[in-house]
């Protein structure tokens, strides 16, 4: 169980860190995208992943700009968005969910032979699992061996090694091990050797991997949208910072920050993209990250290469070595906006709280203040209201018996909120958050495995918990 501690004094930052934080707070309301929580893929993900964007439709953002990787779902087609057939409560029970995983990260080369994913240099490869006519192109950061330009993502094989397409450097702003705020700078340079070539920002995704579980932080983890410049031109309004939760929660990674762009502005040869990043524990009570247990963390106070931060271009890994996760497989079944009307967002249909499958007789929470962090406006009807669960009170959904994966949208209210979230009497997580300024904080938590055996899914809490919505996915058979 996480304990929300009294916030004490500030971390001993350098004067530079104080300036950084002041800028972050001043700009936190801009360009902060919709936090996506998804299953990570196993050892390397499958091309038909579990559907990043939590069941986004085939070809949603994880299958396009960000792709499948050795640590995220999604790829050529996001199967998490597969329709399950009948809606919850319909006759016929839970439809079958069967997903054929492609195993290793294939990116756009999903039909490549198995030797392209065995962590060995064999077959017709020019380096380990890359190059040659059968496998993906080599991406260059570690100067993989090549024979022809076509063996390299950059299209440049020089002296039998691949030139990288990008180079990413990082600098740590807050270098202490225990901190309630992760702060760092990123510098991405486009190195394509072809002078006329360019790279659209819209095709780039950057991922910084960290651990919530290694410290005592609690949701909502807040990405503060800070600064993004392309050769000194501000692109912050066209930048999205998203927190993504993955499984399992291990000592190095259970989440990552993903930075993507909504602009098609191009990077030319030697153009540099600079990003100022900040990730904070969502509780004003001051939970602490253990940075030494974060996969992407490096105690470097000047810019230096960091290959534990991943860069994707057009769905292909072009920089870094992502961590690996197990990947539960799922198919979307139903979703509910507990205290509001039916709506649709990102290809999913949410039922109204008045739907017959919902049973609840307690209080309903409403706010006239836009929740923080800012999100896609389609979700506001759900995030501005919630069912209030207190000790001994339940919200129940009538669904067919079976195994599911559950996601919940939780929001804070006035003052400190500390509660444990339960489903089927099993404790799932701790939600510890206060308002951010005058706005309630929110997070999408999960995935959690749940089993229904009496056609009832029962949600409850210890303490006061505000549950705005729910998404339910059938576990693959």
Protein backbone atom coordinates (compact mmCIF):
# COMPACT_ATOMS: atom_id res chain seq x y z
CA UNK A 1 0.00 0.00 0.00
CA UNK A 2 1.32 3.45 -0.84
CA UNK A 3 1.43 6.02 1.91
CA UNK A 4 0.90 9.67 1.06
CA UNK A 5 3.51 11.60 2.97
CA UNK A 6 3.45 15.22 4.08
CA UNK A 7 5.27 17.27 1.46
CA UNK A 8 8.51 18.53 2.91
CA UNK A 9 11.18 20.89 1.63
CA UNK A 10 12.19 21.11 -2.01
CA UNK A 11 14.87 18.92 -3.52
CA UNK A 12 18.35 20.47 -3.53
CA UNK A 13 18.30 21.54 -7.17
CA UNK A 14 20.89 23.72 -8.74
CA UNK A 15 19.82 27.26 -9.54
CA UNK A 16 19.24 26.06 -13.07
CA UNK A 17 16.75 23.46 -11.86
CA UNK A 18 14.75 26.13 -10.05
CA UNK A 19 14.51 28.14 -13.26
CA UNK A 20 13.47 24.99 -15.13
CA UNK A 21 10.67 24.25 -12.66
CA UNK A 22 9.38 27.81 -12.75
CA UNK A 23 9.08 27.59 -16.53
CA UNK A 24 7.41 24.18 -16.25
CA UNK A 25 4.76 25.44 -13.84
CA UNK A 26 4.09 28.48 -15.96
CA UNK A 27 3.49 26.40 -19.06
CA UNK A 28 1.91 23.23 -17.68
CA UNK A 29 -1.47 23.98 -19.19
CA UNK A 30 -0.23 23.88 -22.80
CA UNK A 31 0.09 21.01 -25.23
CA UNK A 32 -0.32 18.18 -22.76
CA UNK A 33 -1.87 15.29 -24.64
CA UNK A 34 -4.22 12.56 -23.63
CA UNK A 35 -2.45 10.13 -21.27
CA UNK A 36 -2.50 6.69 -22.87
CA UNK A 37 -2.17 3.53 -20.82
CA UNK A 38 -1.44 0.35 -22.70
CA UNK A 39 -0.13 -3.15 -22.41
CA UNK A 40 3.54 -3.60 -23.13
CA UNK A 41 4.60 -6.34 -25.49
CA UNK A 42 6.66 -9.29 -24.52
CA UNK A 43 10.34 -9.48 -25.10
CA UNK A 44 9.70 -7.80 -28.04
CA UNK A 45 6.26 -6.99 -29.20
CA UNK A 46 4.06 -8.54 -31.79
CA UNK A 47 3.17 -6.88 -35.04
CA UNK A 48 -0.46 -7.49 -34.16
CA UNK A 49 -0.08 -6.08 -30.66
CA UNK A 50 -2.64 -5.62 -27.96
CA UNK A 51 -3.64 -2.27 -29.37
CA UNK A 52 -1.89 0.73 -28.03
CA UNK A 53 -4.25 3.60 -27.29
CA UNK A 54 -6.02 1.01 -25.16
CA UNK A 55 -7.87 -0.72 -27.84
CA UNK A 56 -7.45 1.84 -30.54
CA UNK A 57 -8.68 0.77 -33.94
CA UNK A 58 -6.37 -0.98 -36.37
CA UNK A 59 -3.65 1.38 -37.44
CA UNK A 60 -4.13 3.75 -34.50
CA UNK A 61 -1.20 5.78 -33.30
CA UNK A 62 0.82 2.86 -31.98
CA UNK A 63 0.44 1.18 -35.32
CA UNK A 64 1.49 4.23 -37.27
CA UNK A 65 3.67 6.95 -35.82
CA UNK A 66 4.92 5.02 -32.83
CA UNK A 67 4.66 1.45 -33.99
CA UNK A 68 5.18 -1.75 -32.03
CA UNK A 69 8.43 -2.05 -30.12
CA UNK A 70 10.20 -4.22 -27.65
CA UNK A 71 8.11 -2.83 -24.88
CA UNK A 72 4.82 -1.65 -26.31
CA UNK A 73 1.77 -3.09 -27.92
CA UNK A 74 0.56 -2.11 -31.32
CA UNK A 75 2.18 -2.52 -34.67
CA UNK A 76 0.76 -3.23 -38.08
CA UNK A 77 -2.69 -3.57 -36.61
CA UNK A 78 -3.79 -2.83 -33.06
CA UNK A 79 -5.93 -5.81 -32.15
CA UNK A 80 -7.05 -4.23 -28.87
CA UNK A 81 -9.63 -2.35 -30.90
CA UNK A 82 -11.20 -5.52 -32.23
CA UNK A 83 -14.93 -5.48 -31.66
CA UNK A 84 -16.17 -8.27 -29.46
CA UNK A 85 -19.55 -8.76 -31.07
CA UNK A 86 -22.39 -8.51 -28.57
CA UNK A 87 -22.43 -5.73 -26.01
CA UNK A 88 -22.21 -6.39 -22.30
CA UNK A 89 -25.51 -7.69 -21.06
CA UNK A 90 -26.53 -9.16 -24.42
CA UNK A 91 -27.41 -12.82 -24.59
CA UNK A 92 -24.81 -15.35 -25.60
CA UNK A 93 -22.17 -14.60 -22.96
CA UNK A 94 -18.71 -13.25 -23.51
CA UNK A 95 -17.59 -13.57 -27.15
CA UNK A 96 -14.35 -15.39 -27.75
CA UNK A 97 -11.20 -13.27 -27.88
CA UNK A 98 -8.37 -14.92 -29.79
CA UNK A 99 -5.28 -12.99 -30.88
CA UNK A 100 -2.43 -14.49 -32.86
CA UNK A 101 0.76 -12.80 -31.71
CA UNK A 102 3.65 -12.38 -34.11
CA UNK A 103 6.07 -12.69 -31.23
CA UNK A 104 9.01 -10.36 -31.68
CA UNK A 105 9.08 -6.73 -32.75
CA UNK A 106 8.55 -6.73 -36.47
CA UNK A 107 7.57 -3.14 -37.15
CA UNK A 108 6.63 -2.85 -40.80
CA UNK A 109 8.41 -6.17 -41.48
CA UNK A 110 5.73 -8.27 -39.80
CA UNK A 111 6.06 -11.22 -42.19
CA UNK A 112 9.83 -11.62 -41.75
CA UNK A 113 11.14 -15.12 -41.00
CA UNK A 114 11.68 -16.17 -37.39
CA UNK A 115 15.48 -15.91 -37.58
CA UNK A 116 14.99 -12.12 -37.74
CA UNK A 117 13.82 -12.14 -34.10
CA UNK A 118 16.13 -14.56 -32.26
CA UNK A 119 18.78 -12.12 -31.01
CA UNK A 120 21.43 -13.81 -33.17
CA UNK A 121 23.23 -12.92 -36.37
CA UNK A 122 22.21 -15.73 -38.68
CA UNK A 123 20.50 -16.39 -41.99
CA UNK A 124 21.00 -13.55 -44.48
CA UNK A 125 21.34 -10.84 -41.81
CA UNK A 126 24.19 -8.34 -41.90
CA UNK A 127 23.94 -7.78 -38.13
CA UNK A 128 21.88 -9.19 -35.28
CA UNK A 129 18.26 -9.51 -36.51
CA UNK A 130 18.64 -6.77 -39.12
CA UNK A 131 19.90 -6.09 -42.63
CA UNK A 132 19.79 -8.32 -45.68
CA UNK A 133 16.80 -9.05 -47.91
CA UNK A 134 14.60 -10.69 -45.23
CA UNK A 135 14.86 -8.71 -41.97
CA UNK A 136 14.20 -5.13 -40.95
CA UNK A 137 16.77 -2.52 -41.85
CA UNK A 138 19.47 -1.80 -39.26
CA UNK A 139 18.95 1.50 -37.49
CA UNK A 140 22.48 2.69 -36.82
CA UNK A 141 23.06 3.93 -33.24
CA UNK A 142 25.50 1.12 -32.46
CA UNK A 143 26.93 1.12 -36.00
CA UNK A 144 25.44 -2.19 -37.10
CA UNK A 145 27.21 -3.99 -39.90
CA UNK A 146 25.89 -3.65 -43.44
CA UNK A 147 26.79 -4.51 -47.03
CA UNK A 148 24.47 -2.23 -48.97
CA UNK A 149 22.67 1.06 -48.35
CA UNK A 150 19.38 -0.85 -48.31
CA UNK A 151 20.53 -2.68 -45.16
CA UNK A 152 20.18 0.58 -43.20
CA UNK A 153 17.14 2.65 -42.20
CA UNK A 154 19.19 5.74 -42.97
CA UNK A 155 19.89 4.42 -46.48
CA UNK A 156 23.61 4.92 -45.88
CA UNK A 157 26.13 2.09 -45.44
CA UNK A 158 29.60 3.59 -44.99
CA UNK A 159 32.72 1.50 -44.36
CA UNK A 160 30.46 -1.55 -43.81
CA UNK A 161 28.52 0.08 -40.96
CA UNK A 162 25.15 1.85 -40.94
CA UNK A 163 25.01 5.58 -40.43
CA UNK A 164 22.33 6.50 -37.86
CA UNK A 165 19.25 8.41 -38.99
CA UNK A 166 18.97 10.29 -35.67
CA UNK A 167 21.08 10.91 -32.60
CA UNK A 168 19.49 11.49 -29.20
CA UNK A 169 21.30 13.06 -26.26
CA UNK A 170 19.98 13.67 -22.77
CA UNK A 171 20.96 15.86 -19.82
CA UNK A 172 19.68 15.39 -16.28
CA UNK A 173 18.39 18.50 -14.53
CA UNK A 174 17.46 16.85 -11.23
CA UNK A 175 20.20 14.32 -10.54
CA UNK A 176 19.32 13.29 -6.97
CA UNK A 177 18.13 9.71 -6.55
CA UNK A 178 14.94 10.47 -4.60
CA UNK A 179 12.76 13.18 -6.11
CA UNK A 180 9.06 13.86 -6.63
CA UNK A 181 9.82 15.34 -10.06
CA UNK A 182 11.77 13.80 -12.94
CA UNK A 183 13.37 16.64 -14.91
CA UNK A 184 15.63 16.26 -17.92
CA UNK A 185 16.48 17.75 -21.29
CA UNK A 186 16.47 15.93 -24.63
CA UNK A 187 18.22 16.88 -27.85
CA UNK A 188 17.34 15.02 -31.06
CA UNK A 189 19.38 15.65 -34.21
CA UNK A 190 18.47 14.52 -37.74
CA UNK A 191 21.54 12.98 -39.41
CA UNK A 192 20.25 11.69 -42.74
CA UNK A 193 23.26 11.76 -45.08
CA UNK A 194 21.08 12.73 -48.05
CA UNK A 195 21.19 16.57 -48.16
CA UNK A 196 17.68 16.88 -49.64
CA UNK A 197 16.06 14.46 -47.20
CA UNK A 198 13.82 15.56 -44.35
CA UNK A 199 11.88 14.01 -41.48
CA UNK A 200 8.36 15.09 -40.51
CA UNK A 201 7.91 15.70 -36.80
CA UNK A 202 4.55 13.97 -37.06
CA UNK A 203 6.39 10.69 -37.78
CA UNK A 204 8.62 10.90 -34.67
CA UNK A 205 7.95 9.46 -31.21
CA UNK A 206 10.34 9.60 -28.24
CA UNK A 207 9.94 7.37 -25.18
CA UNK A 208 11.54 7.80 -21.75
CA UNK A 209 11.06 4.71 -19.54
CA UNK A 210 10.67 4.98 -15.76
CA UNK A 211 9.27 3.15 -12.75
CA UNK A 212 6.43 4.17 -10.49
CA UNK A 213 6.61 1.06 -8.33
CA UNK A 214 10.30 1.51 -7.42
CA UNK A 215 9.39 4.60 -5.36
CA UNK A 216 6.29 5.57 -3.40
CA UNK A 217 4.57 7.65 -6.07
CA UNK A 218 0.87 7.32 -6.73
CA UNK A 219 -1.41 8.16 -9.61
CA UNK A 220 -2.04 10.43 -11.25
CA UNK A 221 1.50 10.79 -12.59
CA UNK A 222 1.47 14.20 -14.27
CA UNK A 223 3.37 15.10 -17.46
CA UNK A 224 4.04 18.81 -17.42
CA UNK A 225 4.13 20.14 -20.96
CA UNK A 226 7.11 22.44 -20.93
CA UNK A 227 9.30 23.50 -23.85
CA UNK A 228 9.80 22.12 -27.37
CA UNK A 229 11.86 23.95 -29.98
CA UNK A 230 13.05 23.01 -33.46
CA UNK A 231 16.17 25.06 -34.20
CA UNK A 232 14.92 27.76 -31.82
CA UNK A 233 11.38 27.78 -33.30
CA UNK A 234 8.70 27.04 -30.72
CA UNK A 235 6.74 23.85 -31.53
CA UNK A 236 5.36 23.37 -28.01
CA UNK A 237 1.77 23.93 -29.08
CA UNK A 238 2.16 21.07 -31.57
CA UNK A 239 3.74 18.70 -29.02
CA UNK A 240 1.97 16.09 -26.88
CA UNK A 241 3.36 14.59 -23.67
CA UNK A 242 1.65 11.33 -22.65
CA UNK A 243 2.17 8.95 -19.73
CA UNK A 244 1.79 5.29 -20.71
CA UNK A 245 1.45 2.47 -18.17
CA UNK A 246 2.71 -0.99 -19.08
CA UNK A 247 2.94 -4.45 -17.51
CA UNK A 248 4.45 -5.94 -15.51
CA UNK A 249 5.51 -3.49 -12.86
CA UNK A 250 9.16 -4.34 -12.41
CA UNK A 251 12.11 -2.62 -10.80
CA UNK A 252 13.11 -0.65 -13.91
CA UNK A 253 10.01 0.07 -15.97
CA UNK A 254 6.27 0.13 -15.52
CA UNK A 255 5.58 3.38 -17.36
CA UNK A 256 6.99 5.66 -19.97
CA UNK A 257 6.67 9.23 -21.14
CA UNK A 258 5.92 9.42 -24.86
CA UNK A 259 6.51 12.67 -26.76
CA UNK A 260 4.78 12.99 -30.12
CA UNK A 261 3.94 15.85 -32.47
CA UNK A 262 0.84 17.01 -34.31
CA UNK A 263 2.70 19.16 -36.83
CA UNK A 264 4.14 18.04 -40.16
CA UNK A 265 6.97 20.56 -39.89
CA UNK A 266 10.15 18.95 -41.22
CA UNK A 267 13.59 18.37 -39.80
CA UNK A 268 16.38 18.86 -42.33
CA UNK A 269 19.98 17.63 -42.19
CA UNK A 270 21.54 18.55 -38.82
CA UNK A 271 18.35 20.19 -37.54
CA UNK A 272 18.02 19.88 -33.77
CA UNK A 273 14.87 19.34 -31.71
CA UNK A 274 15.24 20.33 -28.04
CA UNK A 275 12.77 19.24 -25.36
CA UNK A 276 12.44 20.26 -21.73
CA UNK A 277 10.71 17.47 -19.79
CA UNK A 278 9.07 17.19 -16.40
CA UNK A 279 7.17 14.30 -14.81
CA UNK A 280 5.70 14.71 -11.32
CA UNK A 281 3.99 12.50 -8.80
CA UNK A 282 0.35 13.57 -8.92
CA UNK A 283 0.02 13.98 -5.19
CA UNK A 284 0.73 17.26 -3.48
CA UNK A 285 1.68 15.11 -0.49
CA UNK A 286 5.00 14.44 -2.16
CA UNK A 287 5.54 10.84 -3.27
CA UNK A 288 9.08 10.17 -4.44
CA UNK A 289 10.51 8.48 -7.54
CA UNK A 290 13.66 6.40 -7.16
CA UNK A 291 15.56 7.61 -10.20
CA UNK A 292 18.31 5.01 -9.86
CA UNK A 293 15.66 2.38 -10.57
CA UNK A 294 14.43 4.10 -13.75
CA UNK A 295 15.45 2.35 -16.97
CA UNK A 296 16.15 5.53 -18.95
CA UNK A 297 17.81 7.49 -16.15
CA UNK A 298 21.48 8.40 -16.44
CA UNK A 299 23.24 10.76 -14.04
CA UNK A 300 24.68 13.00 -16.73
CA UNK A 301 24.65 16.74 -16.12
CA UNK A 302 25.82 17.63 -19.62
CA UNK A 303 24.39 16.39 -22.90
CA UNK A 304 25.48 12.83 -23.76
CA UNK A 305 24.11 9.96 -25.86
CA UNK A 306 21.43 7.92 -24.07
CA UNK A 307 20.48 4.68 -25.81
CA UNK A 308 17.98 3.71 -23.10
CA UNK A 309 15.63 6.35 -24.46
CA UNK A 310 13.91 5.10 -27.62
CA UNK A 311 13.16 7.05 -30.79
CA UNK A 312 10.73 5.81 -33.44
CA UNK A 313 10.35 7.12 -36.96
CA UNK A 314 7.41 5.99 -39.11
CA UNK A 315 6.84 3.14 -36.70
CA UNK A 316 10.43 1.85 -36.82
CA UNK A 317 12.90 1.93 -33.95
CA UNK A 318 15.70 4.27 -35.06
CA UNK A 319 17.47 4.95 -31.78
CA UNK A 320 17.92 3.21 -28.44
CA UNK A 321 17.15 -0.16 -26.87
CA UNK A 322 13.69 -0.28 -25.22
CA UNK A 323 13.09 -2.52 -22.19
CA UNK A 324 10.91 -5.61 -22.49
CA UNK A 325 7.58 -6.48 -20.87
CA UNK A 326 5.07 -9.28 -20.78
CA UNK A 327 2.07 -8.51 -22.95
CA UNK A 328 -1.39 -9.70 -21.90
CA UNK A 329 -3.65 -9.84 -24.95
CA UNK A 330 -7.13 -8.36 -25.00
CA UNK A 331 -10.16 -7.45 -27.09
CA UNK A 332 -12.37 -4.46 -26.33
CA UNK A 333 -15.70 -5.44 -24.78
CA UNK A 334 -17.47 -2.41 -23.32
CA UNK A 335 -16.94 1.01 -21.68
CA UNK A 336 -19.05 3.17 -19.36
CA UNK A 337 -19.28 6.88 -18.52
CA UNK A 338 -20.59 6.36 -14.99
CA UNK A 339 -22.06 9.78 -14.22
CA UNK A 340 -22.85 11.08 -17.68
CA UNK A 341 -24.20 10.41 -21.13
CA UNK A 342 -23.03 8.02 -23.82
CA UNK A 343 -20.22 9.28 -26.07
CA UNK A 344 -17.53 8.04 -28.44
CA UNK A 345 -13.77 8.73 -28.39
CA UNK A 346 -10.78 7.20 -30.16
CA UNK A 347 -12.98 4.61 -31.81
CA UNK A 348 -14.62 3.36 -28.59
CA UNK A 349 -18.28 3.74 -27.60
CA UNK A 350 -18.95 4.56 -23.92
CA UNK A 351 -22.30 3.70 -22.39
CA UNK A 352 -24.22 6.19 -20.27
CA UNK A 353 -24.27 5.77 -16.52
CA UNK A 354 -28.04 5.25 -16.77
CA UNK A 355 -27.51 2.11 -18.85
CA UNK A 356 -29.26 -0.94 -17.35
CA UNK A 357 -25.95 -2.75 -16.82
CA UNK A 358 -24.92 -0.14 -14.18
CA UNK A 359 -26.09 -0.33 -10.55
CA UNK A 360 -25.22 2.50 -8.15
CA UNK A 361 -27.24 4.50 -5.62
CA UNK A 362 -24.65 6.80 -4.03
CA UNK A 363 -23.56 10.39 -4.57
CA UNK A 364 -22.34 11.84 -7.86
CA UNK A 365 -19.45 14.31 -8.07
CA UNK A 366 -19.48 17.20 -10.59
CA UNK A 367 -16.92 19.89 -11.34
CA UNK A 368 -17.13 23.00 -13.48
CA UNK A 369 -13.34 23.14 -13.74
CA UNK A 370 -11.52 21.41 -16.58
CA UNK A 371 -9.57 18.47 -15.10
CA UNK A 372 -5.78 18.40 -15.22
CA UNK A 373 -3.86 17.36 -17.25
CA UNK A 374 -5.68 18.73 -20.31
CA UNK A 375 -7.06 16.06 -22.61
CA UNK A 376 -8.99 15.39 -25.78
CA UNK A 377 -12.26 17.32 -25.48
CA UNK A 378 -14.22 14.15 -26.29
CA UNK A 379 -13.37 12.83 -22.80
CA UNK A 380 -14.49 15.92 -20.87
CA UNK A 381 -18.10 14.72 -20.44
CA UNK A 382 -16.66 11.77 -18.50
CA UNK A 383 -13.85 13.49 -16.57
CA UNK A 384 -16.01 16.31 -15.22
CA UNK A 385 -18.21 13.95 -13.18
CA UNK A 386 -17.89 10.68 -11.27
CA UNK A 387 -19.49 8.20 -8.92
CA UNK A 388 -18.30 8.72 -5.34
CA UNK A 389 -17.33 5.42 -3.76
CA UNK A 390 -16.86 5.42 0.02
CA UNK A 391 -16.14 2.57 2.43
CA UNK A 392 -18.74 -0.17 2.10
CA UNK A 393 -20.31 1.25 -1.07
CA UNK A 394 -20.21 -0.51 -4.46
CA UNK A 395 -20.76 0.20 -8.14
CA UNK A 396 -21.78 -2.91 -10.07
CA UNK A 397 -21.77 -3.83 -13.77
CA UNK A 398 -23.78 -6.72 -15.15
CA UNK A 399 -21.47 -8.54 -17.58
CA UNK A 400 -21.06 -12.14 -18.77
CA UNK A 401 -18.82 -14.44 -16.78
CA UNK A 402 -15.24 -14.60 -17.92
CA UNK A 403 -11.74 -13.15 -17.61
CA UNK A 404 -11.24 -9.44 -18.28
CA UNK A 405 -8.72 -6.63 -18.19
CA UNK A 406 -10.03 -3.51 -16.48
CA UNK A 407 -9.09 0.18 -16.84
CA UNK A 408 -10.64 2.91 -14.70
CA UNK A 409 -10.72 6.71 -14.95
CA UNK A 410 -10.24 8.19 -11.48
CA UNK A 411 -10.44 11.88 -10.53
CA UNK A 412 -9.72 13.87 -7.39
CA UNK A 413 -12.02 16.39 -5.76
CA UNK A 414 -11.51 19.17 -3.24
CA UNK A 415 -8.54 18.64 -0.96
CA UNK A 416 -6.38 15.54 -0.57
CA UNK A 417 -7.67 12.23 -1.87
CA UNK A 418 -6.17 8.95 -0.68
CA UNK A 419 -7.98 5.70 -1.37
CA UNK A 420 -7.47 2.10 -2.36
CA UNK A 421 -9.33 0.87 -5.44
CA UNK A 422 -10.92 -2.61 -5.40
CA UNK A 423 -12.60 -4.89 -7.94
CA UNK A 424 -14.21 -8.18 -6.89
CA UNK A 425 -12.90 -7.39 -3.36
CA UNK A 426 -9.28 -7.47 -4.60
CA UNK A 427 -7.16 -4.37 -4.04
CA UNK A 428 -5.93 -3.02 -7.38
CA UNK A 429 -4.16 0.27 -6.73
CA UNK A 430 -3.81 3.42 -4.64
CA UNK A 431 -5.02 6.77 -5.87
CA UNK A 432 -3.46 9.66 -4.02
CA UNK A 433 -3.99 13.11 -5.49
CA UNK A 434 -4.91 16.64 -4.64
CA UNK A 435 -6.22 19.31 -6.94
CA UNK A 436 -3.70 20.97 -9.25
CA UNK A 437 -4.34 24.62 -8.56
CA UNK A 438 -8.13 24.82 -8.69
CA UNK A 439 -8.51 21.85 -11.04
CA UNK A 440 -9.14 18.22 -10.10
CA UNK A 441 -6.39 15.81 -11.11
CA UNK A 442 -7.22 12.63 -13.00
CA UNK A 443 -5.61 9.44 -14.27
CA UNK A 444 -6.49 6.37 -16.25
CA UNK A 445 -5.28 3.41 -14.19
CA UNK A 446 -4.85 -0.21 -15.14
CA UNK A 447 -4.77 -2.70 -16.70
CA UNK A 448 -5.93 -5.03 -13.93
CA UNK A 449 -6.95 -8.68 -14.39
CA UNK A 450 -10.45 -9.43 -13.06
CA UNK A 451 -12.61 -12.55 -13.15
CA UNK A 452 -16.41 -12.48 -13.21
CA UNK A 453 -18.15 -15.65 -12.06
CA UNK A 454 -21.63 -14.44 -11.02
CA UNK A 455 -22.30 -12.03 -13.90
CA UNK A 456 -21.41 -9.07 -11.65
CA UNK A 457 -18.31 -6.89 -11.73
CA UNK A 458 -18.16 -5.07 -8.38
CA UNK A 459 -16.05 -1.92 -7.82
CA UNK A 460 -15.39 -0.59 -4.33
CA UNK A 461 -12.88 1.43 -2.34
CA UNK A 462 -11.25 1.97 1.01
CA UNK A 463 -11.51 5.69 1.56
CA UNK A 464 -13.23 8.09 -0.80
CA UNK A 465 -12.70 7.39 -4.48
CA UNK A 466 -14.24 9.12 -7.49
CA UNK A 467 -14.66 6.79 -10.46
CA UNK A 468 -15.50 8.62 -13.67
CA UNK A 469 -15.44 5.78 -16.17
CA UNK A 470 -14.37 2.28 -17.02
CA UNK A 471 -13.13 0.30 -20.00
CA UNK A 472 -13.42 -3.48 -20.02
CA UNK A 473 -11.51 -5.84 -22.31
CA UNK A 474 -11.94 -9.58 -22.68
CA UNK A 475 -8.76 -11.54 -22.01
CA UNK A 476 -7.53 -13.56 -24.96
CA UNK A 477 -8.24 -17.26 -24.78
